[in-house]
Amino acid sequence: MIALSHVTLSYGARPAVEDVSFQILPGENLCMVGPNGSGKSTLIKGMLGLMKPTSGEIRRDPGLKVAYLAQAHTFERDFPATVWEIVLSGTLGRSLNPLYTRAQKRRAREALERVHMQDFAAKRIGALSGGQQQRALLARAIAHEPELIVMDEPCSALDPVITQELYALFDALKREKGLTLFIATHDWEYVRAHADRVLVLNRTLRFLGPAGDWHAHMEEGAMCR
């Protein structure tokens, strides 16, 4: 779906990501882990076309529909948009037509129902809790009808109960809709339990494969020290 070949991404003369190669495979949950400052957000910017590689190549399947879910964001209480307006905007894609079709409204309704937020459609998004806001933004991503959802620490700053609810939604979307997931996270418990593969990044690619293999590798290294 997306293939990176020897990709380097830099800010000025300083590489933030260096010589990284991997592919995102259809239908998988590929989780990316790494310490703060390891280049995870920079790599996502490159994958989304928001940064051009200093060297190497990023290829995407023609016509690939990608949605993006960022870190949990708190809207100001007086932010004027309703949940419905936020989710409906996800149906626009590249179009700027202000008149929504029946099909777009149907997609928005179905997305709200999928994340159990239909009862909050008329509320201002700023009046919701952080977890409810993140659900609304997930609905916005779903309304785009993507094949791939790229997420950058989507559960950061959320409490454990809300986090587990969102994780369950991610798994259900993958299982029921056949979506491909690419998730940057610090949550190793989620990675071990749910990832098909794990990508370990610390400026360069340190590991790519089943999460259990990386866990065994780390334990073996610890026993050898």
N, C-alpha and C. Protein backbone atom coordinates (compact mmCIF):
# COMPACT_ATOMS: atom_id res chain seq x y z
N MET A 1 0.83 -1.20 0.00
CA MET A 1 0.00 0.00 0.00
C MET A 1 0.87 1.26 0.00
N ILE A 2 1.82 1.30 0.92
CA ILE A 2 2.85 2.34 0.93
C ILE A 2 4.19 1.64 1.07
N ALA A 3 5.15 2.00 0.25
CA ALA A 3 6.47 1.39 0.28
C ALA A 3 7.53 2.48 0.38
N LEU A 4 8.42 2.34 1.36
CA LEU A 4 9.52 3.26 1.55
C LEU A 4 10.81 2.54 1.18
N SER A 5 11.64 3.19 0.40
CA SER A 5 12.90 2.60 -0.03
C SER A 5 14.05 3.55 0.29
N HIS A 6 14.86 3.19 1.28
CA HIS A 6 16.05 3.95 1.68
C HIS A 6 15.72 5.44 1.90
N VAL A 7 14.67 5.68 2.67
CA VAL A 7 14.17 7.04 2.87
C VAL A 7 14.91 7.74 4.00
N THR A 8 15.36 8.95 3.70
CA THR A 8 15.92 9.86 4.70
C THR A 8 15.09 11.13 4.70
N LEU A 9 14.69 11.58 5.89
CA LEU A 9 13.92 12.81 6.06
C LEU A 9 14.69 13.72 7.00
N SER A 10 14.88 14.97 6.58
CA SER A 10 15.77 15.86 7.33
C SER A 10 15.12 17.20 7.60
N TYR A 11 15.56 17.83 8.68
CA TYR A 11 15.26 19.23 8.96
C TYR A 11 16.56 19.99 8.77
N GLY A 12 16.68 20.69 7.65
CA GLY A 12 17.95 21.31 7.32
C GLY A 12 18.99 20.24 7.02
N ALA A 13 20.14 20.35 7.66
CA ALA A 13 21.21 19.37 7.43
C ALA A 13 21.13 18.19 8.39
N ARG A 14 20.16 18.19 9.30
CA ARG A 14 20.10 17.16 10.33
C ARG A 14 19.05 16.11 9.98
N PRO A 15 19.48 14.88 9.69
CA PRO A 15 18.50 13.81 9.41
C PRO A 15 17.71 13.46 10.68
N ALA A 16 16.39 13.41 10.55
CA ALA A 16 15.55 12.95 11.65
C ALA A 16 15.23 11.47 11.49
N VAL A 17 15.17 11.02 10.23
CA VAL A 17 14.96 9.61 9.88
C VAL A 17 15.97 9.30 8.79
N GLU A 18 16.65 8.17 8.89
CA GLU A 18 17.76 7.92 7.97
C GLU A 18 17.71 6.49 7.42
N ASP A 19 17.67 6.39 6.10
CA ASP A 19 17.81 5.13 5.36
C ASP A 19 16.81 4.07 5.84
N VAL A 20 15.53 4.42 5.82
CA VAL A 20 14.48 3.52 6.29
C VAL A 20 13.76 2.90 5.09
N SER A 21 13.60 1.58 5.13
CA SER A 21 12.89 0.85 4.07
C SER A 21 11.91 -0.12 4.71
N PHE A 22 10.65 -0.08 4.27
CA PHE A 22 9.65 -1.06 4.68
C PHE A 22 8.41 -0.86 3.82
N GLN A 23 7.48 -1.83 3.90
CA GLN A 23 6.20 -1.75 3.20
C GLN A 23 5.07 -1.95 4.19
N ILE A 24 3.96 -1.24 3.98
CA ILE A 24 2.72 -1.49 4.71
C ILE A 24 1.89 -2.45 3.88
N LEU A 25 1.53 -3.58 4.46
CA LEU A 25 0.84 -4.63 3.73
C LEU A 25 -0.67 -4.54 3.94
N PRO A 26 -1.47 -4.83 2.93
CA PRO A 26 -2.93 -4.71 3.06
C PRO A 26 -3.48 -5.56 4.20
N GLY A 27 -4.35 -4.96 5.00
CA GLY A 27 -5.05 -5.68 6.04
C GLY A 27 -4.30 -5.89 7.34
N GLU A 28 -3.08 -5.39 7.45
CA GLU A 28 -2.31 -5.62 8.67
C GLU A 28 -2.46 -4.48 9.66
N ASN A 29 -2.10 -4.77 10.90
CA ASN A 29 -1.92 -3.76 11.93
C ASN A 29 -0.43 -3.67 12.18
N LEU A 30 0.19 -2.63 11.63
CA LEU A 30 1.63 -2.41 11.78
C LEU A 30 1.83 -1.30 12.80
N CYS A 31 2.45 -1.63 13.93
CA CYS A 31 2.67 -0.66 14.99
C CYS A 31 4.12 -0.19 14.96
N MET A 32 4.32 1.11 15.14
CA MET A 32 5.65 1.70 15.18
C MET A 32 5.93 2.18 16.60
N VAL A 33 7.05 1.74 17.14
CA VAL A 33 7.45 2.15 18.48
C VAL A 33 8.85 2.74 18.43
N GLY A 34 9.18 3.51 19.45
CA GLY A 34 10.49 4.13 19.55
C GLY A 34 10.45 5.22 20.60
N PRO A 35 11.60 5.62 21.14
CA PRO A 35 11.61 6.65 22.17
C PRO A 35 11.21 8.01 21.61
N ASN A 36 10.91 8.93 22.51
CA ASN A 36 10.64 10.30 22.08
C ASN A 36 11.85 10.84 21.33
N GLY A 37 11.58 11.53 20.22
CA GLY A 37 12.67 12.08 19.41
C GLY A 37 13.29 11.08 18.45
N SER A 38 12.65 9.91 18.30
CA SER A 38 13.22 8.88 17.43
C SER A 38 12.87 9.07 15.96
N GLY A 39 11.95 10.02 15.67
CA GLY A 39 11.60 10.30 14.28
C GLY A 39 10.26 9.73 13.85
N LYS A 40 9.46 9.24 14.81
CA LYS A 40 8.19 8.60 14.44
C LYS A 40 7.24 9.58 13.75
N SER A 41 7.04 10.77 14.34
CA SER A 41 6.13 11.74 13.73
C SER A 41 6.66 12.24 12.39
N THR A 42 7.98 12.38 12.29
CA THR A 42 8.58 12.80 11.02
C THR A 42 8.34 11.76 9.94
N LEU A 43 8.49 10.48 10.30
CA LEU A 43 8.25 9.42 9.32
C LEU A 43 6.80 9.44 8.85
N ILE A 44 5.88 9.67 9.77
CA ILE A 44 4.47 9.74 9.38
C ILE A 44 4.24 10.92 8.43
N LYS A 45 4.85 12.06 8.70
CA LYS A 45 4.72 13.20 7.79
C LYS A 45 5.19 12.83 6.38
N GLY A 46 6.27 12.11 6.30
CA GLY A 46 6.75 11.68 4.99
C GLY A 46 5.77 10.74 4.31
N MET A 47 5.22 9.78 5.08
CA MET A 47 4.26 8.83 4.51
C MET A 47 3.01 9.52 4.00
N LEU A 48 2.60 10.59 4.70
CA LEU A 48 1.38 11.32 4.31
C LEU A 48 1.64 12.36 3.22
N GLY A 49 2.88 12.49 2.79
CA GLY A 49 3.22 13.46 1.75
C GLY A 49 3.38 14.88 2.26
N LEU A 50 3.52 15.05 3.58
CA LEU A 50 3.69 16.38 4.16
C LEU A 50 5.15 16.81 4.21
N MET A 51 6.06 15.87 4.00
CA MET A 51 7.50 16.15 3.90
C MET A 51 8.05 15.38 2.72
N LYS A 52 8.94 16.00 1.99
CA LYS A 52 9.61 15.30 0.89
C LYS A 52 10.89 14.66 1.41
N PRO A 53 11.17 13.44 0.99
CA PRO A 53 12.41 12.80 1.42
C PRO A 53 13.64 13.56 0.95
N THR A 54 14.64 13.62 1.81
CA THR A 54 15.94 14.15 1.40
C THR A 54 16.58 13.21 0.39
N SER A 55 16.38 11.93 0.61
CA SER A 55 16.82 10.90 -0.34
C SER A 55 15.91 9.69 -0.19
N GLY A 56 15.96 8.81 -1.16
CA GLY A 56 15.09 7.65 -1.15
C GLY A 56 13.75 7.94 -1.80
N GLU A 57 12.84 6.98 -1.70
CA GLU A 57 11.56 7.09 -2.41
C GLU A 57 10.42 6.55 -1.54
N ILE A 58 9.29 7.26 -1.58
CA ILE A 58 8.06 6.80 -0.93
C ILE A 58 7.01 6.61 -2.01
N ARG A 59 6.54 5.38 -2.16
CA ARG A 59 5.55 5.06 -3.20
C ARG A 59 4.23 4.66 -2.53
N ARG A 60 3.14 5.13 -3.09
CA ARG A 60 1.81 4.78 -2.62
C ARG A 60 1.03 4.16 -3.75
N ASP A 61 0.18 3.17 -3.42
CA ASP A 61 -0.69 2.59 -4.44
C ASP A 61 -1.54 3.69 -5.07
N PRO A 62 -1.69 3.68 -6.39
CA PRO A 62 -2.53 4.70 -7.05
C PRO A 62 -3.94 4.70 -6.49
N GLY A 63 -4.44 5.88 -6.14
CA GLY A 63 -5.79 6.01 -5.64
C GLY A 63 -5.99 5.57 -4.20
N LEU A 64 -4.90 5.26 -3.48
CA LEU A 64 -5.01 4.81 -2.10
C LEU A 64 -5.66 5.89 -1.24
N LYS A 65 -6.70 5.51 -0.49
CA LYS A 65 -7.40 6.44 0.40
C LYS A 65 -6.86 6.27 1.82
N VAL A 66 -6.26 7.33 2.33
CA VAL A 66 -5.62 7.30 3.64
C VAL A 66 -6.29 8.32 4.56
N ALA A 67 -6.58 7.92 5.78
CA ALA A 67 -7.07 8.84 6.81
C ALA A 67 -6.02 8.93 7.90
N TYR A 68 -6.05 10.04 8.62
CA TYR A 68 -5.04 10.30 9.65
C TYR A 68 -5.73 10.63 10.96
N LEU A 69 -5.27 10.01 12.04
CA LEU A 69 -5.75 10.31 13.38
C LEU A 69 -4.56 10.69 14.23
N ALA A 70 -4.55 11.95 14.71
CA ALA A 70 -3.41 12.46 15.46
C ALA A 70 -3.54 12.13 16.94
N GLN A 71 -2.60 12.63 17.73
CA GLN A 71 -2.67 12.49 19.18
C GLN A 71 -3.96 13.13 19.69
N ALA A 72 -4.44 12.60 20.83
CA ALA A 72 -5.66 13.13 21.43
C ALA A 72 -5.52 14.64 21.61
N HIS A 73 -6.49 15.36 21.09
CA HIS A 73 -6.45 16.83 21.08
C HIS A 73 -7.66 17.36 21.84
N THR A 74 -7.42 18.34 22.69
CA THR A 74 -8.52 18.95 23.45
C THR A 74 -8.94 20.25 22.79
N PHE A 75 -10.18 20.30 22.31
CA PHE A 75 -10.71 21.52 21.72
C PHE A 75 -11.13 22.49 22.83
N GLU A 76 -11.00 23.77 22.57
CA GLU A 76 -11.49 24.76 23.51
C GLU A 76 -13.01 24.64 23.65
N ARG A 77 -13.52 24.94 24.84
CA ARG A 77 -14.95 24.76 25.09
C ARG A 77 -15.82 25.60 24.15
N ASP A 78 -15.30 26.76 23.71
CA ASP A 78 -16.11 27.62 22.84
C ASP A 78 -15.85 27.35 21.35
N PHE A 79 -15.13 26.26 21.03
CA PHE A 79 -14.93 25.91 19.62
C PHE A 79 -16.30 25.70 18.99
N PRO A 80 -16.61 26.39 17.88
CA PRO A 80 -18.01 26.47 17.43
C PRO A 80 -18.55 25.23 16.73
N ALA A 81 -17.71 24.32 16.23
CA ALA A 81 -18.21 23.22 15.41
C ALA A 81 -18.87 22.13 16.26
N THR A 82 -19.93 21.56 15.72
CA THR A 82 -20.56 20.42 16.37
C THR A 82 -19.87 19.13 15.95
N VAL A 83 -20.16 18.07 16.68
CA VAL A 83 -19.63 16.75 16.33
C VAL A 83 -20.07 16.38 14.92
N TRP A 84 -21.32 16.61 14.59
CA TRP A 84 -21.82 16.31 13.25
C TRP A 84 -21.03 17.03 12.17
N GLU A 85 -20.75 18.31 12.38
CA GLU A 85 -20.00 19.09 11.39
C GLU A 85 -18.58 18.56 11.25
N ILE A 86 -17.97 18.18 12.36
CA ILE A 86 -16.60 17.65 12.31
C ILE A 86 -16.58 16.35 11.52
N VAL A 87 -17.50 15.45 11.82
CA VAL A 87 -17.51 14.14 11.16
C VAL A 87 -17.89 14.28 9.70
N LEU A 88 -18.86 15.12 9.40
CA LEU A 88 -19.29 15.32 8.01
C LEU A 88 -18.15 15.86 7.15
N SER A 89 -17.30 16.69 7.73
CA SER A 89 -16.18 17.25 6.96
C SER A 89 -15.22 16.16 6.50
N GLY A 90 -15.23 15.00 7.19
CA GLY A 90 -14.36 13.91 6.77
C GLY A 90 -14.76 13.30 5.45
N THR A 91 -15.97 13.56 4.98
CA THR A 91 -16.43 13.00 3.71
C THR A 91 -15.98 13.81 2.51
N LEU A 92 -15.40 14.99 2.75
CA LEU A 92 -15.07 15.89 1.64
C LEU A 92 -13.91 15.39 0.80
N GLY A 93 -12.89 14.79 1.44
CA GLY A 93 -11.71 14.43 0.68
C GLY A 93 -11.05 15.68 0.14
N ARG A 94 -10.74 15.67 -1.14
CA ARG A 94 -10.11 16.84 -1.77
C ARG A 94 -11.14 17.86 -2.24
N SER A 95 -12.42 17.51 -2.18
CA SER A 95 -13.47 18.42 -2.64
C SER A 95 -13.71 19.52 -1.61
N LEU A 96 -13.99 20.72 -2.09
CA LEU A 96 -14.32 21.84 -1.21
C LEU A 96 -15.77 22.27 -1.40
N ASN A 97 -16.57 21.42 -2.03
CA ASN A 97 -17.98 21.73 -2.25
C ASN A 97 -18.70 21.81 -0.90
N PRO A 98 -19.28 22.96 -0.56
CA PRO A 98 -19.91 23.10 0.76
C PRO A 98 -21.25 22.39 0.89
N LEU A 99 -21.79 21.88 -0.22
CA LEU A 99 -23.08 21.20 -0.20
C LEU A 99 -22.84 19.69 -0.13
N TYR A 100 -23.29 19.07 0.95
CA TYR A 100 -23.08 17.64 1.15
C TYR A 100 -24.20 16.84 0.48
N THR A 101 -23.83 15.72 -0.09
CA THR A 101 -24.80 14.85 -0.73
C THR A 101 -25.45 13.93 0.31
N ARG A 102 -26.53 13.27 -0.09
CA ARG A 102 -27.17 12.30 0.79
C ARG A 102 -26.20 11.18 1.15
N ALA A 103 -25.40 10.78 0.18
CA ALA A 103 -24.44 9.69 0.43
C ALA A 103 -23.41 10.12 1.48
N GLN A 104 -22.94 11.36 1.39
CA GLN A 104 -21.97 11.84 2.38
C GLN A 104 -22.59 11.89 3.78
N LYS A 105 -23.82 12.35 3.87
CA LYS A 105 -24.50 12.40 5.17
C LYS A 105 -24.72 10.99 5.72
N ARG A 106 -25.04 10.05 4.84
CA ARG A 106 -25.20 8.67 5.29
C ARG A 106 -23.89 8.13 5.84
N ARG A 107 -22.79 8.41 5.15
CA ARG A 107 -21.47 7.95 5.62
C ARG A 107 -21.14 8.54 6.98
N ALA A 108 -21.48 9.82 7.17
CA ALA A 108 -21.20 10.47 8.46
C ALA A 108 -22.04 9.83 9.57
N ARG A 109 -23.31 9.57 9.29
CA ARG A 109 -24.18 8.94 10.29
C ARG A 109 -23.65 7.55 10.66
N GLU A 110 -23.28 6.77 9.65
CA GLU A 110 -22.79 5.42 9.90
C GLU A 110 -21.49 5.46 10.70
N ALA A 111 -20.63 6.44 10.42
CA ALA A 111 -19.37 6.55 11.15
C ALA A 111 -19.63 6.89 12.62
N LEU A 112 -20.56 7.79 12.88
CA LEU A 112 -20.91 8.13 14.27
C LEU A 112 -21.46 6.91 15.00
N GLU A 113 -22.30 6.17 14.33
CA GLU A 113 -22.87 4.97 14.94
C GLU A 113 -21.78 3.93 15.22
N ARG A 114 -20.82 3.85 14.32
CA ARG A 114 -19.75 2.84 14.49
C ARG A 114 -18.92 3.09 15.73
N VAL A 115 -18.76 4.35 16.13
CA VAL A 115 -17.97 4.67 17.32
C VAL A 115 -18.87 5.03 18.51
N HIS A 116 -20.17 4.75 18.36
CA HIS A 116 -21.14 4.96 19.44
C HIS A 116 -21.21 6.43 19.88
N MET A 117 -21.22 7.33 18.90
CA MET A 117 -21.27 8.77 19.19
C MET A 117 -22.48 9.43 18.56
N GLN A 118 -23.46 8.65 18.08
CA GLN A 118 -24.61 9.24 17.39
C GLN A 118 -25.42 10.15 18.30
N ASP A 119 -25.43 9.88 19.60
CA ASP A 119 -26.22 10.71 20.52
C ASP A 119 -25.56 12.05 20.83
N PHE A 120 -24.32 12.23 20.34
CA PHE A 120 -23.59 13.46 20.62
C PHE A 120 -23.47 14.35 19.38
N ALA A 121 -24.16 13.98 18.30
CA ALA A 121 -23.98 14.66 17.01
C ALA A 121 -24.22 16.16 17.10
N ALA A 122 -25.21 16.59 17.87
CA ALA A 122 -25.57 18.00 17.92
C ALA A 122 -24.76 18.80 18.93
N LYS A 123 -23.92 18.13 19.71
CA LYS A 123 -23.15 18.84 20.74
C LYS A 123 -21.90 19.48 20.14
N ARG A 124 -21.50 20.61 20.72
CA ARG A 124 -20.23 21.20 20.31
C ARG A 124 -19.09 20.30 20.76
N ILE A 125 -18.13 20.13 19.89
CA ILE A 125 -17.06 19.18 20.20
C ILE A 125 -16.25 19.64 21.41
N GLY A 126 -16.16 20.95 21.62
CA GLY A 126 -15.41 21.45 22.76
C GLY A 126 -16.04 21.13 24.09
N ALA A 127 -17.32 20.75 24.09
CA ALA A 127 -18.01 20.43 25.34
C ALA A 127 -17.84 18.97 25.74
N LEU A 128 -17.17 18.18 24.92
CA LEU A 128 -17.02 16.76 25.20
C LEU A 128 -15.74 16.46 25.96
N SER A 129 -15.69 15.27 26.55
CA SER A 129 -14.46 14.83 27.20
C SER A 129 -13.40 14.51 26.15
N GLY A 130 -12.15 14.34 26.60
CA GLY A 130 -11.08 14.04 25.67
C GLY A 130 -11.31 12.75 24.92
N GLY A 131 -11.82 11.73 25.61
CA GLY A 131 -12.09 10.46 24.94
C GLY A 131 -13.21 10.57 23.92
N GLN A 132 -14.26 11.34 24.25
CA GLN A 132 -15.35 11.53 23.30
C GLN A 132 -14.88 12.31 22.08
N GLN A 133 -14.03 13.30 22.29
CA GLN A 133 -13.49 14.06 21.16
C GLN A 133 -12.68 13.15 20.24
N GLN A 134 -11.88 12.26 20.83
CA GLN A 134 -11.07 11.37 20.00
C GLN A 134 -11.95 10.38 19.25
N ARG A 135 -13.06 9.94 19.85
CA ARG A 135 -14.01 9.10 19.14
C ARG A 135 -14.61 9.85 17.94
N ALA A 136 -14.94 11.12 18.16
CA ALA A 136 -15.50 11.92 17.06
C ALA A 136 -14.49 12.05 15.92
N LEU A 137 -13.23 12.25 16.26
CA LEU A 137 -12.20 12.38 15.22
C LEU A 137 -11.96 11.04 14.53
N LEU A 138 -12.10 9.94 15.26
CA LEU A 138 -12.02 8.62 14.62
C LEU A 138 -13.18 8.45 13.66
N ALA A 139 -14.39 8.89 14.06
CA ALA A 139 -15.53 8.83 13.16
C ALA A 139 -15.27 9.65 11.90
N ARG A 140 -14.65 10.82 12.06
CA ARG A 140 -14.31 11.65 10.91
C ARG A 140 -13.39 10.89 9.95
N ALA A 141 -12.42 10.18 10.52
CA ALA A 141 -11.51 9.39 9.69
C ALA A 141 -12.25 8.28 8.97
N ILE A 142 -13.16 7.59 9.67
CA ILE A 142 -13.92 6.50 9.06
C ILE A 142 -14.82 7.02 7.94
N ALA A 143 -15.40 8.21 8.15
CA ALA A 143 -16.31 8.77 7.15
C ALA A 143 -15.63 9.01 5.80
N HIS A 144 -14.32 9.12 5.82
CA HIS A 144 -13.55 9.28 4.58
C HIS A 144 -13.52 7.98 3.77
N GLU A 145 -13.96 6.88 4.39
CA GLU A 145 -13.93 5.55 3.78
C GLU A 145 -12.52 5.18 3.32
N PRO A 146 -11.57 5.22 4.26
CA PRO A 146 -10.18 4.95 3.88
C PRO A 146 -9.91 3.46 3.76
N GLU A 147 -8.82 3.16 3.10
CA GLU A 147 -8.28 1.80 3.10
C GLU A 147 -7.22 1.65 4.18
N LEU A 148 -6.59 2.76 4.54
CA LEU A 148 -5.51 2.79 5.53
C LEU A 148 -5.75 3.95 6.48
N ILE A 149 -5.65 3.69 7.80
CA ILE A 149 -5.68 4.76 8.79
C ILE A 149 -4.31 4.83 9.44
N VAL A 150 -3.69 5.99 9.37
CA VAL A 150 -2.40 6.25 10.01
C VAL A 150 -2.67 7.02 11.30
N MET A 151 -2.13 6.51 12.41
CA MET A 151 -2.40 7.12 13.71
C MET A 151 -1.09 7.43 14.42
N ASP A 152 -1.01 8.63 14.97
CA ASP A 152 0.19 9.06 15.70
C ASP A 152 -0.15 9.18 17.18
N GLU A 153 0.15 8.12 17.95
CA GLU A 153 -0.13 8.07 19.38
C GLU A 153 -1.57 8.53 19.68
N PRO A 154 -2.55 7.84 19.11
CA PRO A 154 -3.94 8.31 19.19
C PRO A 154 -4.55 8.25 20.59
N CYS A 155 -3.91 7.53 21.51
CA CYS A 155 -4.48 7.40 22.86
C CYS A 155 -3.65 8.12 23.91
N SER A 156 -2.70 8.93 23.49
CA SER A 156 -1.89 9.66 24.46
C SER A 156 -2.77 10.60 25.27
N ALA A 157 -2.50 10.69 26.55
CA ALA A 157 -3.20 11.58 27.49
C ALA A 157 -4.62 11.14 27.81
N LEU A 158 -5.04 9.96 27.34
CA LEU A 158 -6.36 9.45 27.67
C LEU A 158 -6.25 8.45 28.82
N ASP A 159 -7.31 8.35 29.62
CA ASP A 159 -7.24 7.43 30.76
C ASP A 159 -7.32 5.99 30.27
N PRO A 160 -6.90 5.03 31.11
CA PRO A 160 -6.80 3.63 30.67
C PRO A 160 -8.11 3.04 30.17
N VAL A 161 -9.23 3.39 30.77
CA VAL A 161 -10.51 2.82 30.35
C VAL A 161 -10.86 3.29 28.93
N ILE A 162 -10.73 4.59 28.68
CA ILE A 162 -11.02 5.13 27.35
C ILE A 162 -10.03 4.57 26.33
N THR A 163 -8.79 4.42 26.74
CA THR A 163 -7.77 3.86 25.85
C THR A 163 -8.16 2.46 25.40
N GLN A 164 -8.57 1.63 26.33
CA GLN A 164 -8.96 0.26 25.98
C GLN A 164 -10.18 0.24 25.07
N GLU A 165 -11.12 1.17 25.28
CA GLU A 165 -12.29 1.25 24.41
C GLU A 165 -11.89 1.60 22.98
N LEU A 166 -10.95 2.55 22.85
CA LEU A 166 -10.49 2.93 21.52
C LEU A 166 -9.72 1.78 20.86
N TYR A 167 -8.89 1.09 21.63
CA TYR A 167 -8.17 -0.06 21.08
C TYR A 167 -9.15 -1.10 20.54
N ALA A 168 -10.24 -1.33 21.27
CA ALA A 168 -11.25 -2.30 20.81
C ALA A 168 -11.88 -1.84 19.50
N LEU A 169 -12.08 -0.53 19.37
CA LEU A 169 -12.63 0.00 18.12
C LEU A 169 -11.64 -0.19 16.97
N PHE A 170 -10.36 0.05 17.22
CA PHE A 170 -9.36 -0.14 16.17
C PHE A 170 -9.39 -1.59 15.67
N ASP A 171 -9.41 -2.53 16.61
CA ASP A 171 -9.42 -3.94 16.23
C ASP A 171 -10.68 -4.31 15.46
N ALA A 172 -11.83 -3.75 15.88
CA ALA A 172 -13.08 -4.05 15.19
C ALA A 172 -13.07 -3.49 13.77
N LEU A 173 -12.52 -2.31 13.58
CA LEU A 173 -12.44 -1.72 12.25
C LEU A 173 -11.58 -2.58 11.33
N LYS A 174 -10.48 -3.06 11.85
CA LYS A 174 -9.61 -3.92 11.05
C LYS A 174 -10.33 -5.22 10.69
N ARG A 175 -11.01 -5.80 11.68
CA ARG A 175 -11.65 -7.10 11.48
C ARG A 175 -12.89 -7.00 10.59
N GLU A 176 -13.73 -5.99 10.83
CA GLU A 176 -15.03 -5.91 10.16
C GLU A 176 -14.96 -5.20 8.81
N LYS A 177 -14.10 -4.20 8.70
CA LYS A 177 -14.03 -3.42 7.46
C LYS A 177 -12.79 -3.73 6.64
N GLY A 178 -11.91 -4.56 7.16
CA GLY A 178 -10.71 -4.91 6.42
C GLY A 178 -9.72 -3.76 6.30
N LEU A 179 -9.80 -2.80 7.24
CA LEU A 179 -8.90 -1.65 7.18
C LEU A 179 -7.48 -2.05 7.55
N THR A 180 -6.54 -1.34 6.97
CA THR A 180 -5.14 -1.47 7.34
C THR A 180 -4.82 -0.36 8.35
N LEU A 181 -4.09 -0.72 9.41
CA LEU A 181 -3.77 0.23 10.47
C LEU A 181 -2.26 0.40 10.58
N PHE A 182 -1.83 1.65 10.70
CA PHE A 182 -0.43 1.96 11.00
C PHE A 182 -0.47 2.87 12.23
N ILE A 183 0.01 2.37 13.37
CA ILE A 183 -0.16 3.06 14.64
C ILE A 183 1.19 3.31 15.30
N ALA A 184 1.53 4.57 15.52
CA ALA A 184 2.68 4.92 16.34
C ALA A 184 2.22 4.95 17.79
N THR A 185 2.92 4.22 18.66
CA THR A 185 2.46 4.11 20.04
C THR A 185 3.63 3.82 20.96
N HIS A 186 3.44 4.13 22.25
CA HIS A 186 4.40 3.74 23.29
C HIS A 186 3.87 2.55 24.10
N ASP A 187 2.68 2.06 23.74
CA ASP A 187 2.01 1.05 24.54
C ASP A 187 2.43 -0.35 24.08
N TRP A 188 3.44 -0.91 24.74
CA TRP A 188 3.94 -2.22 24.34
C TRP A 188 2.92 -3.33 24.60
N GLU A 189 2.08 -3.14 25.62
CA GLU A 189 1.07 -4.16 25.89
C GLU A 189 0.12 -4.30 24.70
N TYR A 190 -0.29 -3.16 24.14
CA TYR A 190 -1.15 -3.20 22.96
C TYR A 190 -0.41 -3.84 21.78
N VAL A 191 0.84 -3.46 21.60
CA VAL A 191 1.61 -3.98 20.47
C VAL A 191 1.73 -5.50 20.55
N ARG A 192 2.09 -6.01 21.72
CA ARG A 192 2.27 -7.45 21.87
C ARG A 192 0.96 -8.21 21.64
N ALA A 193 -0.15 -7.60 22.06
CA ALA A 193 -1.43 -8.30 21.98
C ALA A 193 -2.10 -8.18 20.61
N HIS A 194 -1.85 -7.08 19.88
CA HIS A 194 -2.69 -6.81 18.72
C HIS A 194 -1.93 -6.56 17.40
N ALA A 195 -0.67 -6.24 17.45
CA ALA A 195 0.05 -5.91 16.22
C ALA A 195 0.37 -7.17 15.42
N ASP A 196 0.21 -7.10 14.11
CA ASP A 196 0.69 -8.17 13.24
C ASP A 196 2.21 -8.08 13.10
N ARG A 197 2.70 -6.86 12.96
CA ARG A 197 4.15 -6.62 12.93
C ARG A 197 4.46 -5.37 13.73
N VAL A 198 5.71 -5.25 14.16
CA VAL A 198 6.15 -4.06 14.86
C VAL A 198 7.37 -3.49 14.14
N LEU A 199 7.38 -2.17 14.02
CA LEU A 199 8.51 -1.45 13.44
C LEU A 199 9.15 -0.66 14.58
N VAL A 200 10.39 -0.94 14.88
CA VAL A 200 11.11 -0.23 15.95
C VAL A 200 12.01 0.81 15.29
N LEU A 201 11.77 2.07 15.62
CA LEU A 201 12.49 3.18 15.00
C LEU A 201 13.26 3.97 16.05
N ASN A 202 14.51 4.22 15.78
CA ASN A 202 15.29 5.19 16.56
C ASN A 202 16.22 5.89 15.58
N ARG A 203 15.61 6.75 14.81
CA ARG A 203 16.23 7.46 13.68
C ARG A 203 16.44 6.53 12.49
N THR A 204 16.97 5.34 12.75
CA THR A 204 17.06 4.32 11.72
C THR A 204 16.13 3.16 12.09
N LEU A 205 15.90 2.28 11.15
CA LEU A 205 15.05 1.13 11.39
C LEU A 205 15.85 0.10 12.19
N ARG A 206 15.39 -0.19 13.43
CA ARG A 206 16.11 -1.12 14.31
C ARG A 206 15.54 -2.53 14.23
N PHE A 207 14.27 -2.65 13.88
CA PHE A 207 13.66 -3.98 13.81
C PHE A 207 12.35 -3.87 13.04
N LEU A 208 12.02 -4.92 12.30
CA LEU A 208 10.73 -5.02 11.62
C LEU A 208 10.34 -6.49 11.57
N GLY A 209 9.24 -6.83 12.24
CA GLY A 209 8.81 -8.21 12.25
C GLY A 209 7.75 -8.44 13.31
N PRO A 210 7.44 -9.69 13.62
CA PRO A 210 6.44 -9.98 14.66
C PRO A 210 6.88 -9.41 16.00
N ALA A 211 5.90 -8.88 16.75
CA ALA A 211 6.22 -8.26 18.04
C ALA A 211 6.86 -9.26 18.99
N GLY A 212 6.41 -10.50 18.95
CA GLY A 212 6.99 -11.51 19.83
C GLY A 212 8.46 -11.75 19.56
N ASP A 213 8.88 -11.63 18.30
CA ASP A 213 10.29 -11.81 17.97
C ASP A 213 11.14 -10.71 18.58
N TRP A 214 10.63 -9.46 18.54
CA TRP A 214 11.38 -8.35 19.13
C TRP A 214 11.44 -8.50 20.65
N HIS A 215 10.35 -8.92 21.26
CA HIS A 215 10.32 -9.10 22.71
C HIS A 215 11.33 -10.18 23.12
N ALA A 216 11.37 -11.29 22.37
CA ALA A 216 12.32 -12.36 22.67
C ALA A 216 13.75 -11.88 22.48
N HIS A 217 13.96 -11.06 21.45
CA HIS A 217 15.29 -10.53 21.17
C HIS A 217 15.76 -9.63 22.32
N MET A 218 14.85 -8.79 22.84
CA MET A 218 15.21 -7.91 23.94
C MET A 218 15.51 -8.70 25.21
N GLU A 219 14.70 -9.73 25.48
CA GLU A 219 14.94 -10.55 26.67
C GLU A 219 16.26 -11.29 26.56
N GLU A 220 16.58 -11.80 25.35
CA GLU A 220 17.84 -12.50 25.14
C GLU A 220 19.01 -11.56 25.35
N GLY A 221 18.86 -10.31 24.86
CA GLY A 221 19.94 -9.33 25.04
C GLY A 221 20.15 -9.00 26.50
N ALA A 222 19.04 -8.91 27.26
CA ALA A 222 19.14 -8.60 28.67
C ALA A 222 19.85 -9.72 29.43
N MET A 223 19.60 -10.99 29.06
CA MET A 223 20.22 -12.12 29.73
C MET A 223 21.71 -12.21 29.42
N CYS A 224 22.12 -11.67 28.26
CA CYS A 224 23.51 -11.74 27.85
C CYS A 224 24.36 -10.63 28.45
N ARG A 225 23.72 -9.63 29.03
CA ARG A 225 24.49 -8.51 29.59
C ARG A 225 25.01 -8.86 30.98
